[in-house]
Amino acid sequence: MRTTFIYMTVTGILALAGQLAGCAAGPDFHAPAPVATSTYTPAPQPAQTAGSVGAGGAAQHFVAADSPSAQWWQAFGSPLLDHLVQEALEDSPTVAQARLKLRQAQEDYRSESGALLWPQLDASLRASRQKPDPAAAGLGSLVAGRSFPPFTLYSGKVNVSYNFDLFGASRRTLEGLAAAVDYQRYELEAARLTLAGNVVTTALRRASLARQIALTESLLTDQASQLQITTERVRAGGVSQMELLSERAQVEATRASLPPLRAALAQADHSLAVYRGRPPAEPASAQADPGALDLDALSLPTDLPLTLPSKLAQQRPDIRASEALLHQASANVGVATANLYPQITLSGSTGPEGLSLSHMLNIWSASAAITQPIFHGGALRAHRRSAEAAYEAALAGYRQTVLGGLQQVADALRALQEDALELQARDAAQRSTHASAGIAAERYAAGGLSQLALLDAQGQELRTALDRTRAQAQRLTDTAALYQALGARP
């Protein structure tokens, strides 16, 4: 009779649970709607930039595309740059850390799925030594004068338990863990994208700094020659002491600009070494020597991919990571909601038990328990409100991440427009000073111009070359920034 009652109870609970098995408490997650706008900038989006004649001055065209190229840095046409990026992606500790965090999240999911989805099965063996005490049991008067020797009780059991996921607490927990796996996967993609962007921009800056140092040293030599001539003219009484002091100040100002440039160059080398997983003191190999990167040898990508804003959320790993956090927060609301409802646990055990290993009886038991939270001081409902607030915060964070991504693309587009115009003007200025220095050289050779005037014309050319170098490097750097802003994942 008792066995029949247990069987009917368990069967009834299983039947009810089967009817509700498809239900899961809390909201079902839906990805936020894509961005409705079709452009990144308020003004009409440009189709191309201005162009100029010199190195890195070609006009750039914005071409509609579904997604940027994964190996976007190859558009700069430098095998050395390609090698630096590849080394960094393979050996960077930052990428290795992100990869291991992804593995950790995957194993956490596997661990919890095994614990929540499947019954728990445990085996135990036990031997205990016991001595009965009739007096403690109230039988002292009945067994007075009799002695009961100690005995050994042996038992071996197999225990089975299963928490029936009636309202979806386990399913929502696993949903949140799966979202955590997605988050770490997108964090890995973001780490690779950021690393590739850092290597490219640092290598470009290093090439620009090397060119600026060379031009500044030439300018310093030119100014030192002018200072020497002026000194001799002062001794001869041809010019005033004031002009000498003014030229000396220019020389020292130029000399003072070199240490910051050299420090920045060294820091760029140190950064490139660390990005590639190497100590800064380790010498670079011939295949990966940043010093061999020539600014003029780099190709300016002329066809730049431009995806729709609605596609940006599907491509940028930081936006996808933010969406995964939103999904996890939604699942946590479901867990907190399910904890308000009854919890059903099925358990059973079976195994032999006896006073000797040769004479043991098989004993089994089965039970079903249902627990309904009644009063927890408001903790459970407060926990659900906390989860709901966390979801709203994650939604606001997602929206901010999307807006930040749109802003970065808009900033890069605007910068490329202005970079092209600046380079156009800087190129025209350099060409003018170059032509002027050529005329000055011809006049000096014919004896119609002083050496001081020739040096001054050559100095002007070097100054405009410095300005053009900075503009050329900035245009390359902002091009890399556009690829990165569009979420070109390596």
Protein backbone atom coordinates (compact mmCIF):
# COMPACT_ATOMS: atom_id res chain seq x y z
CA MET A 1 0.00 0.00 0.00
CA ARG A 2 2.78 2.41 0.96
CA THR A 3 4.70 1.58 -2.21
CA THR A 4 1.58 2.28 -4.29
CA PHE A 5 1.13 5.67 -2.60
CA ILE A 6 4.74 6.66 -3.34
CA TYR A 7 4.38 5.51 -6.92
CA MET A 8 1.16 7.50 -7.43
CA THR A 9 2.70 10.61 -5.85
CA VAL A 10 5.80 10.50 -8.00
CA THR A 11 3.74 9.76 -11.11
CA GLY A 12 1.41 12.69 -10.43
CA ILE A 13 4.31 15.08 -9.94
CA LEU A 14 5.98 13.88 -13.12
CA ALA A 15 2.72 14.29 -15.07
CA LEU A 16 2.30 17.87 -13.83
CA ALA A 17 5.95 18.64 -14.53
CA GLY A 18 5.64 17.20 -18.02
CA GLN A 19 2.78 19.59 -18.81
CA LEU A 20 4.87 22.59 -17.62
CA ALA A 21 8.24 21.42 -18.93
CA GLY A 22 8.11 23.75 -21.88
CA CYS A 23 7.59 26.80 -19.69
CA ALA A 24 10.43 28.93 -18.37
CA ALA A 25 9.86 31.85 -16.05
CA GLY A 26 11.00 35.32 -16.99
CA PRO A 27 11.33 37.10 -20.35
CA ASP A 28 12.50 35.42 -23.53
CA PHE A 29 15.44 37.34 -24.94
CA HIS A 30 15.16 39.17 -28.24
CA ALA A 31 18.04 41.10 -29.76
CA PRO A 32 17.45 44.88 -29.83
CA ALA A 33 16.19 46.36 -33.08
CA PRO A 34 18.92 47.48 -35.51
CA VAL A 35 19.76 51.15 -36.00
CA ALA A 36 17.19 52.84 -38.21
CA THR A 37 19.48 55.49 -39.72
CA SER A 38 21.13 54.83 -43.08
CA THR A 39 24.11 57.20 -42.74
CA TYR A 40 26.79 57.91 -40.15
CA THR A 41 27.06 61.68 -40.56
CA PRO A 42 24.36 64.39 -40.49
CA ALA A 43 25.54 65.94 -43.75
CA PRO A 44 25.38 63.89 -46.97
CA GLN A 45 27.86 61.09 -46.57
CA PRO A 46 30.88 61.63 -48.86
CA ALA A 47 31.53 59.33 -51.78
CA GLN A 48 35.23 60.17 -51.95
CA THR A 49 37.91 62.45 -50.54
CA ALA A 50 40.12 65.05 -52.17
CA GLY A 51 43.42 63.97 -53.69
CA SER A 52 46.93 65.31 -54.25
CA VAL A 53 49.94 64.38 -56.35
CA GLY A 54 52.58 63.20 -53.87
CA ALA A 55 53.01 59.97 -51.91
CA GLY A 56 49.90 58.96 -49.99
CA GLY A 57 47.83 61.65 -51.71
CA ALA A 58 45.45 59.60 -53.86
CA ALA A 59 41.72 60.20 -53.52
CA GLN A 60 39.92 57.62 -51.39
CA HIS A 61 36.54 56.22 -52.40
CA PHE A 62 33.94 54.88 -49.93
CA VAL A 63 32.49 51.71 -51.38
CA ALA A 64 29.34 50.07 -50.03
CA ALA A 65 30.17 46.64 -48.59
CA ASP A 66 28.59 43.99 -46.38
CA SER A 67 31.69 43.77 -44.20
CA PRO A 68 35.34 44.88 -44.23
CA SER A 69 38.09 42.45 -45.09
CA ALA A 70 39.32 40.36 -42.16
CA GLN A 71 42.95 40.95 -43.17
CA TRP A 72 42.36 44.67 -43.61
CA TRP A 73 45.96 45.72 -42.84
CA GLN A 74 47.10 44.06 -46.06
CA ALA A 75 45.52 46.99 -47.91
CA PHE A 76 48.58 49.07 -46.93
CA GLY A 77 50.74 46.88 -49.19
CA SER A 78 53.57 46.23 -46.72
CA PRO A 79 54.80 42.65 -46.12
CA LEU A 80 56.68 43.93 -43.07
CA LEU A 81 53.49 45.37 -41.58
CA ASP A 82 51.68 42.11 -42.35
CA HIS A 83 54.41 40.19 -40.52
CA LEU A 84 54.24 42.44 -37.46
CA VAL A 85 50.47 42.02 -37.17
CA GLN A 86 50.64 38.25 -37.65
CA GLU A 87 53.32 37.89 -35.00
CA ALA A 88 51.23 39.90 -32.56
CA LEU A 89 48.08 37.85 -33.19
CA GLU A 90 50.00 34.63 -32.62
CA ASP A 91 52.14 35.57 -29.60
CA SER A 92 50.40 38.38 -27.71
CA PRO A 93 49.64 37.53 -24.05
CA THR A 94 46.52 39.71 -24.28
CA VAL A 95 45.04 37.49 -26.99
CA ALA A 96 46.15 34.36 -25.13
CA GLN A 97 44.42 35.62 -21.98
CA ALA A 98 41.18 36.30 -23.87
CA ARG A 99 41.36 32.85 -25.49
CA LEU A 100 41.79 31.14 -22.11
CA LYS A 101 38.91 33.12 -20.61
CA LEU A 102 36.74 31.82 -23.43
CA ARG A 103 37.83 28.28 -22.63
CA GLN A 104 37.06 28.87 -18.96
CA ALA A 105 33.55 30.09 -19.81
CA GLN A 106 32.97 27.06 -22.05
CA GLU A 107 34.04 24.68 -19.30
CA ASP A 108 31.85 26.51 -16.77
CA TYR A 109 28.90 25.96 -19.08
CA ARG A 110 29.70 22.26 -19.52
CA SER A 111 30.07 21.85 -15.77
CA GLU A 112 26.76 23.49 -14.94
CA SER A 113 24.88 21.78 -17.77
CA GLY A 114 26.01 18.41 -16.43
CA ALA A 115 24.89 19.32 -12.93
CA LEU A 116 21.55 20.89 -13.87
CA LEU A 117 20.27 18.83 -16.79
CA TRP A 118 21.14 15.31 -15.66
CA PRO A 119 20.37 13.29 -12.53
CA GLN A 120 23.17 13.10 -9.97
CA LEU A 121 24.35 9.56 -9.28
CA ASP A 122 26.66 8.77 -6.34
CA ALA A 123 27.89 5.52 -4.81
CA SER A 124 29.02 5.08 -1.22
CA LEU A 125 30.44 2.28 0.93
CA ARG A 126 30.31 2.47 4.71
CA ALA A 127 31.30 0.38 7.70
CA SER A 128 30.50 1.58 11.23
CA ARG A 129 31.21 0.03 14.64
CA GLN A 130 28.32 0.38 17.10
CA LYS A 131 27.45 -0.75 20.66
CA PRO A 132 23.79 -0.62 21.74
CA ASP A 133 22.85 1.07 25.01
CA PRO A 134 19.49 -0.37 26.26
CA ALA A 135 19.27 2.22 29.05
CA ALA A 136 19.38 5.09 26.53
CA ALA A 137 16.49 3.49 24.72
CA GLY A 138 14.45 3.03 27.95
CA LEU A 139 14.91 -0.76 27.99
CA GLY A 140 17.25 -0.99 30.97
CA SER A 141 14.73 -2.75 33.24
CA LEU A 142 13.84 -5.31 30.60
CA VAL A 143 17.36 -6.42 29.82
CA ALA A 144 18.91 -5.96 33.25
CA GLY A 145 22.01 -8.07 33.70
CA ARG A 146 22.42 -8.77 30.04
CA SER A 147 25.43 -7.60 28.04
CA PHE A 148 25.29 -6.58 24.39
CA PRO A 149 28.59 -6.77 22.56
CA PRO A 150 29.48 -4.15 19.89
CA PHE A 151 28.77 -4.99 16.27
CA THR A 152 29.80 -3.78 12.81
CA LEU A 153 27.19 -2.46 10.35
CA TYR A 154 28.07 -2.63 6.65
CA SER A 155 26.22 -0.73 3.93
CA GLY A 156 26.67 0.08 0.25
CA LYS A 157 24.34 2.49 -1.50
CA VAL A 158 23.71 4.10 -4.84
CA ASN A 159 21.98 7.49 -4.49
CA VAL A 160 20.13 9.24 -7.31
CA SER A 161 18.73 12.77 -7.14
CA TYR A 162 17.23 15.06 -9.71
CA ASN A 163 15.97 18.61 -9.38
CA PHE A 164 13.07 18.83 -11.80
CA ASP A 165 13.28 22.10 -13.71
CA LEU A 166 9.57 22.82 -13.55
CA PHE A 167 9.70 26.61 -13.93
CA GLY A 168 12.93 26.85 -15.92
CA ALA A 169 15.42 28.02 -13.29
CA SER A 170 18.03 25.59 -14.58
CA ARG A 171 17.32 26.42 -18.21
CA ARG A 172 17.61 30.15 -17.54
CA THR A 173 20.84 29.56 -15.64
CA LEU A 174 22.30 27.70 -18.60
CA GLU A 175 20.99 30.38 -20.95
CA GLY A 176 22.92 32.96 -18.94
CA LEU A 177 26.06 30.82 -19.00
CA ALA A 178 25.76 30.38 -22.77
CA ALA A 179 25.53 34.15 -23.07
CA ALA A 180 28.67 34.41 -20.93
CA VAL A 181 30.41 32.11 -23.43
CA ASP A 182 29.27 34.38 -26.27
CA TYR A 183 30.57 37.39 -24.35
CA GLN A 184 34.04 35.88 -23.98
CA ARG A 185 34.05 34.86 -27.64
CA TYR A 186 33.35 38.43 -28.71
CA GLU A 187 35.90 39.70 -26.20
CA LEU A 188 38.46 37.51 -27.92
CA GLU A 189 37.50 38.97 -31.30
CA ALA A 190 37.68 42.48 -29.81
CA ALA A 191 41.13 41.76 -28.38
CA ARG A 192 42.39 40.61 -31.78
CA LEU A 193 40.87 43.64 -33.54
CA THR A 194 42.28 46.07 -30.98
CA LEU A 195 45.69 44.42 -31.12
CA ALA A 196 45.84 44.54 -34.92
CA GLY A 197 44.78 48.19 -34.86
CA ASN A 198 47.38 49.05 -32.23
CA VAL A 199 50.17 47.36 -34.19
CA VAL A 200 49.21 49.13 -37.42
CA THR A 201 48.82 52.60 -35.91
CA THR A 202 52.00 52.26 -33.83
CA ALA A 203 54.00 51.08 -36.84
CA LEU A 204 52.65 54.01 -38.87
CA ARG A 205 53.52 56.44 -36.11
CA ARG A 206 57.00 54.96 -35.85
CA ALA A 207 57.59 55.41 -39.59
CA SER A 208 56.38 58.99 -39.34
CA LEU A 209 58.62 59.70 -36.33
CA ALA A 210 61.65 58.26 -38.10
CA ARG A 211 61.00 60.54 -41.10
CA GLN A 212 60.43 63.56 -38.84
CA ILE A 213 63.72 62.91 -36.98
CA ALA A 214 65.65 62.68 -40.26
CA LEU A 215 64.08 65.91 -41.57
CA THR A 216 64.62 67.71 -38.26
CA GLU A 217 68.28 66.70 -38.17
CA SER A 218 68.69 68.04 -41.71
CA LEU A 219 66.95 71.25 -40.67
CA LEU A 220 69.23 71.53 -37.64
CA THR A 221 72.30 71.13 -39.88
CA ASP A 222 70.94 73.80 -42.21
CA GLN A 223 70.25 76.20 -39.33
CA ALA A 224 73.67 75.55 -37.78
CA SER A 225 75.29 76.56 -41.09
CA GLN A 226 73.18 79.73 -41.15
CA LEU A 227 74.19 80.47 -37.56
CA GLN A 228 77.88 80.06 -38.44
CA ILE A 229 77.56 82.48 -41.37
CA THR A 230 75.69 85.00 -39.23
CA THR A 231 78.35 84.73 -36.51
CA GLU A 232 81.04 85.57 -39.06
CA ARG A 233 78.97 88.51 -40.35
CA VAL A 234 78.57 89.83 -36.81
CA ARG A 235 82.33 89.73 -36.36
CA ALA A 236 82.69 91.63 -39.60
CA GLY A 237 80.06 94.11 -38.48
CA GLY A 238 77.64 93.20 -41.27
CA VAL A 239 74.63 92.35 -39.06
CA SER A 240 73.51 93.16 -35.54
CA GLN A 241 73.89 91.03 -32.43
CA MET A 242 70.08 90.83 -32.26
CA GLU A 243 69.89 88.86 -35.52
CA LEU A 244 72.56 86.47 -34.26
CA LEU A 245 70.64 85.84 -31.03
CA SER A 246 67.42 85.26 -32.98
CA GLU A 247 69.04 82.63 -35.20
CA ARG A 248 70.70 80.97 -32.22
CA ALA A 249 67.29 80.69 -30.53
CA GLN A 250 65.91 79.00 -33.66
CA VAL A 251 68.77 76.50 -33.65
CA GLU A 252 68.20 75.61 -30.00
CA ALA A 253 64.46 75.33 -30.51
CA THR A 254 65.02 72.88 -33.35
CA ARG A 255 67.55 70.96 -31.28
CA ALA A 256 65.08 70.81 -28.37
CA SER A 257 62.44 69.21 -30.63
CA LEU A 258 64.61 66.15 -31.29
CA PRO A 259 64.64 64.48 -27.83
CA PRO A 260 60.81 64.19 -27.65
CA LEU A 261 60.76 62.72 -31.15
CA ARG A 262 63.47 60.20 -30.28
CA ALA A 263 61.69 59.29 -27.03
CA ALA A 264 58.43 58.75 -28.92
CA LEU A 265 60.26 56.61 -31.48
CA ALA A 266 61.77 54.43 -28.73
CA GLN A 267 58.38 54.11 -27.04
CA ALA A 268 56.83 53.01 -30.33
CA ASP A 269 59.52 50.32 -30.65
CA HIS A 270 58.85 49.20 -27.07
CA SER A 271 55.10 49.04 -27.71
CA LEU A 272 55.54 47.01 -30.90
CA ALA A 273 57.76 44.54 -29.04
CA VAL A 274 55.21 44.10 -26.24
CA TYR A 275 52.31 43.78 -28.71
CA ARG A 276 54.25 40.89 -30.28
CA GLY A 277 54.80 39.24 -26.89
CA ARG A 278 58.49 40.14 -26.58
CA PRO A 279 60.52 42.17 -24.07
CA PRO A 280 61.42 45.68 -25.29
CA ALA A 281 65.12 44.85 -24.92
CA GLU A 282 64.94 41.92 -27.34
CA PRO A 283 66.39 42.90 -30.74
CA ALA A 284 64.02 42.71 -33.69
CA SER A 285 64.59 40.12 -36.37
CA ALA A 286 65.32 41.11 -39.96
CA GLN A 287 61.80 39.99 -40.97
CA ALA A 288 60.14 42.09 -38.25
CA ASP A 289 62.30 45.19 -37.88
CA PRO A 290 59.99 48.21 -37.54
CA GLY A 291 62.92 50.44 -38.50
CA ALA A 292 62.71 49.10 -42.05
CA LEU A 293 59.17 50.46 -42.50
CA ASP A 294 59.30 53.42 -44.91
CA LEU A 295 56.39 55.85 -44.87
CA ASP A 296 56.47 56.42 -48.63
CA ALA A 297 56.57 52.67 -49.30
CA LEU A 298 53.14 52.25 -47.69
CA SER A 299 50.16 52.21 -50.02
CA LEU A 300 47.16 54.34 -49.13
CA PRO A 301 44.01 52.19 -49.52
CA THR A 302 41.93 53.95 -52.16
CA ASP A 303 38.75 51.84 -51.95
CA LEU A 304 37.45 51.87 -48.39
CA PRO A 305 34.55 49.58 -47.43
CA LEU A 306 31.59 51.27 -45.76
CA THR A 307 28.83 49.17 -44.27
CA LEU A 308 25.36 50.36 -43.30
CA PRO A 309 24.88 51.46 -39.68
CA SER A 310 22.36 48.63 -39.25
CA LYS A 311 25.16 46.18 -40.05
CA LEU A 312 27.55 47.67 -37.52
CA ALA A 313 25.95 45.88 -34.56
CA GLN A 314 26.45 42.56 -36.33
CA GLN A 315 30.14 43.17 -37.02
CA ARG A 316 31.72 45.10 -34.14
CA PRO A 317 32.75 42.62 -31.44
CA ASP A 318 32.32 45.17 -28.64
CA ILE A 319 28.65 45.64 -29.63
CA ARG A 320 28.12 41.88 -29.84
CA ALA A 321 29.77 41.48 -26.44
CA SER A 322 27.44 44.11 -25.00
CA GLU A 323 24.48 42.25 -26.51
CA ALA A 324 25.69 39.03 -24.87
CA LEU A 325 25.78 40.81 -21.50
CA LEU A 326 22.21 41.98 -22.14
CA HIS A 327 21.20 38.39 -22.92
CA GLN A 328 22.82 37.20 -19.71
CA ALA A 329 20.99 39.87 -17.71
CA SER A 330 17.69 38.77 -19.29
CA ALA A 331 18.37 35.15 -18.30
CA ASN A 332 19.16 36.25 -14.73
CA VAL A 333 15.69 37.83 -14.53
CA GLY A 334 14.27 34.42 -15.44
CA VAL A 335 16.32 32.69 -12.74
CA ALA A 336 15.18 35.19 -10.10
CA THR A 337 11.56 34.76 -11.22
CA ALA A 338 11.72 30.96 -11.20
CA ASN A 339 13.06 31.01 -7.63
CA LEU A 340 9.67 32.40 -6.52
CA TYR A 341 7.91 29.20 -7.56
CA PRO A 342 7.94 25.63 -6.22
CA GLN A 343 11.06 23.50 -6.53
CA ILE A 344 10.61 19.75 -7.09
CA THR A 345 13.29 17.25 -6.16
CA LEU A 346 13.20 13.51 -6.89
CA SER A 347 15.59 11.23 -5.06
CA GLY A 348 16.15 7.56 -4.44
CA SER A 349 18.69 5.11 -3.13
CA THR A 350 19.29 1.40 -3.13
CA GLY A 351 21.92 -0.92 -1.76
CA PRO A 352 22.74 -3.79 0.62
CA GLU A 353 23.01 -3.32 4.35
CA GLY A 354 23.77 -5.86 7.12
CA LEU A 355 25.87 -7.03 10.07
CA SER A 356 28.17 -9.10 7.88
CA LEU A 357 29.30 -9.04 4.31
CA SER A 358 27.84 -12.51 3.72
CA HIS A 359 24.40 -11.71 5.11
CA MET A 360 23.17 -8.35 3.76
CA LEU A 361 19.68 -7.21 2.84
CA ASN A 362 18.95 -4.99 -0.12
CA ILE A 363 17.24 -1.81 1.06
CA TRP A 364 15.79 0.87 -1.25
CA SER A 365 13.98 4.14 -0.86
CA ALA A 366 12.35 6.71 -3.14
CA SER A 367 11.03 10.16 -2.39
CA ALA A 368 9.64 13.24 -4.05
CA ALA A 369 9.72 16.65 -2.43
CA ILE A 370 8.17 19.95 -3.41
CA THR A 371 9.29 23.20 -1.78
CA GLN A 372 7.34 26.43 -2.10
CA PRO A 373 9.00 29.60 -0.79
CA ILE A 374 6.59 31.36 1.56
CA PHE A 375 8.49 33.94 3.59
CA HIS A 376 12.07 35.02 3.08
CA GLY A 377 11.81 38.56 4.34
CA GLY A 378 11.22 39.89 0.84
CA ALA A 379 14.65 38.69 -0.31
CA LEU A 380 13.43 36.73 -3.36
CA ARG A 381 11.30 39.54 -4.78
CA ALA A 382 14.03 42.07 -4.09
CA HIS A 383 16.45 39.80 -5.94
CA ARG A 384 14.11 39.76 -8.94
CA ARG A 385 13.81 43.56 -8.88
CA SER A 386 17.60 43.73 -8.71
CA ALA A 387 17.85 41.45 -11.76
CA GLU A 388 15.34 43.60 -13.64
CA ALA A 389 17.33 46.74 -12.82
CA ALA A 390 20.52 44.99 -13.98
CA TYR A 391 18.78 44.19 -17.28
CA GLU A 392 17.76 47.82 -17.78
CA ALA A 393 21.33 48.90 -16.99
CA ALA A 394 22.69 46.37 -19.50
CA LEU A 395 20.24 47.68 -22.11
CA ALA A 396 21.45 51.24 -21.52
CA GLY A 397 25.04 50.01 -21.77
CA TYR A 398 24.24 48.29 -25.07
CA ARG A 399 22.69 51.46 -26.49
CA GLN A 400 25.74 53.47 -25.43
CA THR A 401 28.08 50.96 -27.05
CA VAL A 402 26.13 51.19 -30.32
CA LEU A 403 26.19 54.99 -30.20
CA GLY A 404 29.91 54.93 -29.48
CA GLY A 405 30.50 52.70 -32.49
CA LEU A 406 28.47 54.99 -34.76
CA GLN A 407 30.43 57.97 -33.45
CA GLN A 408 33.79 56.34 -34.13
CA VAL A 409 32.83 55.63 -37.75
CA ALA A 410 31.48 59.17 -38.19
CA ASP A 411 34.65 60.62 -36.65
CA ALA A 412 36.86 58.54 -38.94
CA LEU A 413 34.89 59.56 -42.05
CA ARG A 414 35.13 63.23 -41.11
CA ALA A 415 38.82 62.93 -40.27
CA LEU A 416 39.59 61.32 -43.63
CA GLN A 417 37.85 64.16 -45.46
CA GLU A 418 39.83 66.79 -43.58
CA ASP A 419 43.08 64.79 -43.74
CA ALA A 420 42.87 64.75 -47.54
CA LEU A 421 42.34 68.51 -47.67
CA GLU A 422 45.20 69.17 -45.27
CA LEU A 423 47.56 66.87 -47.18
CA GLN A 424 46.54 68.59 -50.40
CA ALA A 425 47.54 71.97 -48.96
CA ARG A 426 50.70 70.65 -47.32
CA ASP A 427 51.73 69.00 -50.58
CA ALA A 428 51.18 72.23 -52.50
CA ALA A 429 53.25 74.13 -49.92
CA GLN A 430 56.09 71.65 -50.13
CA ARG A 431 56.09 71.75 -53.91
CA SER A 432 56.29 75.51 -53.82
CA THR A 433 59.19 75.56 -51.35
CA HIS A 434 60.92 72.80 -53.32
CA ALA A 435 60.67 74.84 -56.50
CA SER A 436 61.84 77.92 -54.61
CA ALA A 437 64.86 76.03 -53.21
CA GLY A 438 65.68 74.87 -56.75
CA ILE A 439 65.64 78.45 -58.07
CA ALA A 440 67.75 79.57 -55.12
CA ALA A 441 70.32 76.85 -55.87
CA GLU A 442 70.54 77.97 -59.51
CA ARG A 443 70.95 81.62 -58.53
CA TYR A 444 73.58 80.71 -55.92
CA ALA A 445 75.52 78.71 -58.52
CA ALA A 446 75.39 81.74 -60.84
CA GLY A 447 76.62 84.00 -58.06
CA GLY A 448 73.38 85.95 -57.83
CA LEU A 449 72.37 84.77 -54.34
CA SER A 450 74.14 84.48 -51.02
CA GLN A 451 74.73 81.19 -49.26
CA LEU A 452 72.64 82.43 -46.33
CA ALA A 453 69.64 83.01 -48.60
CA LEU A 454 70.14 79.56 -50.15
CA LEU A 455 70.19 77.94 -46.73
CA ASP A 456 67.06 79.84 -45.74
CA ALA A 457 65.21 78.56 -48.84
CA GLN A 458 66.33 75.00 -48.12
CA GLY A 459 65.19 75.36 -44.50
CA GLN A 460 61.73 76.43 -45.66
CA GLU A 461 61.55 73.33 -47.83
CA LEU A 462 62.47 71.10 -44.87
CA ARG A 463 59.81 72.71 -42.67
CA THR A 464 57.07 72.13 -45.24
CA ALA A 465 58.34 68.55 -45.71
CA LEU A 466 57.93 68.02 -41.96
CA ASP A 467 54.35 69.31 -42.07
CA ARG A 468 53.57 67.11 -45.06
CA THR A 469 55.01 64.04 -43.33
CA ARG A 470 52.73 64.54 -40.34
CA ALA A 471 49.68 65.00 -42.58
CA GLN A 472 50.56 61.94 -44.66
CA ALA A 473 50.97 59.75 -41.56
CA GLN A 474 47.74 61.07 -40.03
CA ARG A 475 45.84 60.12 -43.17
CA LEU A 476 47.17 56.57 -43.01
CA THR A 477 46.40 56.33 -39.30
CA ASP A 478 42.82 57.55 -39.73
CA THR A 479 42.35 55.03 -42.54
CA ALA A 480 43.31 52.27 -40.11
CA ALA A 481 40.93 53.81 -37.56
CA LEU A 482 38.05 53.51 -40.04
CA TYR A 483 38.73 49.80 -40.58
CA GLN A 484 38.83 49.30 -36.83
CA ALA A 485 35.67 51.34 -36.22
CA LEU A 486 33.79 49.22 -38.77
CA GLY A 487 34.68 46.09 -36.78
CA ALA A 488 36.96 44.42 -39.31
CA ARG A 489 37.66 41.31 -37.20
CA PRO A 490 40.92 39.47 -37.96
